[in-house]
Amino acid sequence: MVLKTRPCLICLKPFTPDLRTAKHQRVCCDEACQKERKRRKWRRWAARHKEQRKGKLRLWAEAYPYFWRHYRQENEDYRKKDNKRRCRAAKRARRSAKQTLIWVQRAEGIGRLEDLAAQIQRSAKQTLIARGFLEVAGCLRLGVPSAKQPHIVSAGVSDG
């Protein structure tokens, strides 16, 4: 029986499937490709398994409400590791809140620029200045956010 070659899903190189697994083999026999195939399979399984276990874990947590408190008291190594994890989670939450505040302040500043442009357009022969304000506001609105932006808050438009 002659088998057709097919491309490997991982490395995309053509390979001839093994006779015993020809119907469903999608990855070549290269060690790196097999390792990647197993890693992907594990990820898919772990994601499904985690969803299936949520209900059981919730029931267990309701049955043993003080388990982790006692465990932390008895195991100092775990307590230290968990404290670091909690600190990192809190920092991420604060960073997220700061980003939201930055974008709110930025949007308010852009709104003030647009209001100023509208006021200028009402005056005679100042449409060029108003157009400049609108272009600046448009550029600011199109800005792409980065991870940290403390300079935006300090360089924001003041109320006075």
Protein backbone atom coordinates (compact mmCIF):
# COMPACT_ATOMS: atom_id res chain seq x y z
CA MET A 1 0.00 0.00 0.00
CA VAL A 2 1.43 3.37 -1.07
CA LEU A 3 0.81 6.27 1.32
CA LYS A 4 0.64 9.87 0.22
CA THR A 5 2.80 12.44 1.92
CA ARG A 6 1.11 15.16 3.88
CA PRO A 7 2.41 18.32 5.60
CA CYS A 8 3.23 18.18 9.31
CA LEU A 9 0.98 20.47 11.37
CA ILE A 10 3.96 21.66 13.41
CA CYS A 11 6.93 22.08 11.05
CA LEU A 12 4.93 22.06 7.76
CA LYS A 13 7.46 19.71 6.13
CA PRO A 14 5.99 16.83 4.08
CA PHE A 15 6.12 13.40 5.73
CA THR A 16 4.85 9.90 5.04
CA PRO A 17 2.55 8.66 7.82
CA ASP A 18 3.20 5.41 9.62
CA LEU A 19 1.15 2.51 8.20
CA ARG A 20 -0.45 1.78 11.59
CA THR A 21 -1.59 5.36 12.17
CA ALA A 22 -1.99 6.64 8.60
CA LYS A 23 -5.66 7.58 8.98
CA HIS A 24 -5.19 10.07 11.80
CA GLN A 25 -1.48 10.93 11.94
CA ARG A 26 -1.06 14.68 11.39
CA VAL A 27 2.43 15.25 12.81
CA CYS A 28 5.75 13.87 11.58
CA CYS A 29 7.97 11.63 13.74
CA ASP A 30 10.51 14.35 14.46
CA GLU A 31 11.16 14.57 18.21
CA ALA A 32 10.53 18.34 18.42
CA CYS A 33 7.23 18.01 16.53
CA GLN A 34 6.06 15.17 18.77
CA LYS A 35 6.94 17.17 21.86
CA GLU A 36 4.97 20.16 20.55
CA ARG A 37 2.01 17.89 19.65
CA LYS A 38 1.94 16.52 23.20
CA ARG A 39 2.24 20.01 24.68
CA ARG A 40 -0.73 21.23 22.63
CA LYS A 41 -2.76 18.16 23.58
CA TRP A 42 -1.98 18.73 27.27
CA ARG A 43 -3.05 22.37 27.02
CA ARG A 44 -6.39 21.41 25.44
CA TRP A 45 -6.96 18.72 28.08
CA ALA A 46 -5.98 21.01 30.97
CA ALA A 47 -8.36 23.75 29.82
CA ARG A 48 -11.30 21.34 29.63
CA HIS A 49 -10.36 19.67 32.91
CA LYS A 50 -10.15 22.98 34.74
CA GLU A 51 -13.66 23.93 33.60
CA GLN A 52 -15.02 20.54 34.66
CA ARG A 53 -13.42 20.77 38.11
CA LYS A 54 -14.72 24.25 38.96
CA GLY A 55 -18.02 22.97 40.34
CA LYS A 56 -16.37 20.29 42.46
CA LEU A 57 -13.83 22.76 43.82
CA ARG A 58 -16.57 25.20 44.74
CA LEU A 59 -18.45 22.52 46.67
CA TRP A 60 -15.26 21.45 48.44
CA ALA A 61 -14.45 25.08 49.36
CA GLU A 62 -17.92 25.51 50.85
CA ALA A 63 -17.47 22.33 52.90
CA TYR A 64 -14.03 23.45 54.21
CA PRO A 65 -14.20 27.26 54.48
CA TYR A 66 -11.14 27.71 56.74
CA PHE A 67 -8.81 25.20 55.09
CA TRP A 68 -6.46 27.71 53.42
CA ARG A 69 -6.30 29.95 56.48
CA HIS A 70 -5.11 27.02 58.61
CA TYR A 71 -2.81 25.75 55.87
CA ARG A 72 -1.12 29.16 55.61
CA GLN A 73 -0.63 29.28 59.37
CA GLU A 74 1.00 25.83 59.44
CA ASN A 75 3.21 26.14 56.31
CA GLU A 76 5.56 29.10 56.28
CA ASP A 77 7.05 28.31 52.85
CA TYR A 78 3.61 28.32 51.29
CA ARG A 79 2.74 31.54 53.13
CA LYS A 80 5.79 33.36 51.72
CA LYS A 81 5.13 32.14 48.19
CA ASP A 82 1.44 33.02 48.45
CA ASN A 83 2.22 36.50 49.80
CA LYS A 84 4.42 37.18 46.76
CA ARG A 85 1.66 35.94 44.46
CA ARG A 86 -0.90 38.18 46.20
CA CYS A 87 1.42 41.21 45.95
CA ARG A 88 1.89 40.65 42.22
CA ALA A 89 -1.87 40.31 41.73
CA ALA A 90 -2.51 43.52 43.70
CA LYS A 91 0.10 45.40 41.61
CA ARG A 92 -1.53 44.20 38.41
CA ALA A 93 -4.92 45.39 39.68
CA ARG A 94 -3.52 48.81 40.65
CA ARG A 95 -1.75 49.16 37.31
CA SER A 96 -5.01 48.40 35.52
CA ALA A 97 -6.85 51.02 37.56
CA LYS A 98 -4.13 53.58 36.81
CA GLN A 99 -4.40 52.88 33.09
CA THR A 100 -8.15 53.47 33.23
CA LEU A 101 -7.64 56.75 35.06
CA ILE A 102 -5.03 57.86 32.52
CA TRP A 103 -7.38 57.21 29.60
CA VAL A 104 -10.26 59.02 31.32
CA GLN A 105 -8.05 62.07 31.91
CA ARG A 106 -6.79 61.92 28.33
CA ALA A 107 -10.35 61.75 26.96
CA GLU A 108 -11.35 64.75 29.12
CA GLY A 109 -8.39 66.74 27.80
CA ILE A 110 -9.27 65.90 24.20
CA GLY A 111 -12.88 66.93 24.86
CA ARG A 112 -11.68 70.30 26.19
CA LEU A 113 -9.57 70.82 23.04
CA GLU A 114 -12.57 70.08 20.85
CA ASP A 115 -14.74 72.50 22.87
CA LEU A 116 -12.08 75.17 22.49
CA ALA A 117 -11.98 74.57 18.72
CA ALA A 118 -15.76 74.96 18.56
CA GLN A 119 -15.56 78.28 20.43
CA ILE A 120 -12.81 79.56 18.12
CA GLN A 121 -14.82 78.64 15.01
CA ARG A 122 -17.60 80.95 16.18
CA SER A 123 -15.21 83.92 15.99
CA ALA A 124 -14.43 85.51 12.65
CA LYS A 125 -11.36 84.43 10.61
CA GLN A 126 -10.03 81.91 13.08
CA THR A 127 -11.01 78.68 11.36
CA LEU A 128 -7.34 77.82 10.74
CA ILE A 129 -6.61 77.86 14.47
CA ALA A 130 -9.71 75.78 15.14
CA ARG A 131 -8.67 73.29 12.46
CA GLY A 132 -5.27 73.01 14.16
CA PHE A 133 -6.94 72.23 17.50
CA LEU A 134 -9.14 69.59 15.86
CA GLU A 135 -6.11 67.97 14.20
CA VAL A 136 -4.26 67.82 17.53
CA ALA A 137 -7.33 66.32 19.21
CA GLY A 138 -7.63 63.75 16.40
CA CYS A 139 -3.97 62.75 16.77
CA LEU A 140 -4.36 62.36 20.52
CA ARG A 141 -7.49 60.28 20.05
CA LEU A 142 -5.64 57.89 17.71
CA GLY A 143 -2.75 57.38 20.15
CA VAL A 144 -1.98 53.74 20.96
CA PRO A 145 -1.75 52.90 24.66
CA SER A 146 1.44 51.39 26.03
CA ALA A 147 1.98 49.42 29.23
CA LYS A 148 3.09 52.34 31.43
CA GLN A 149 2.15 55.95 30.76
CA PRO A 150 2.89 58.11 33.79
CA HIS A 151 4.02 60.94 31.49
CA ILE A 152 0.46 61.42 30.18
CA VAL A 153 -0.90 62.25 33.62
CA SER A 154 1.85 64.79 34.32
CA ALA A 155 1.56 66.36 30.85
CA GLY A 156 -2.26 66.47 30.87
CA VAL A 157 -4.27 69.65 30.21
CA SER A 158 -4.90 71.58 33.42
CA ASP A 159 -8.30 72.88 34.46
CA GLY A 160 -7.08 76.42 35.15
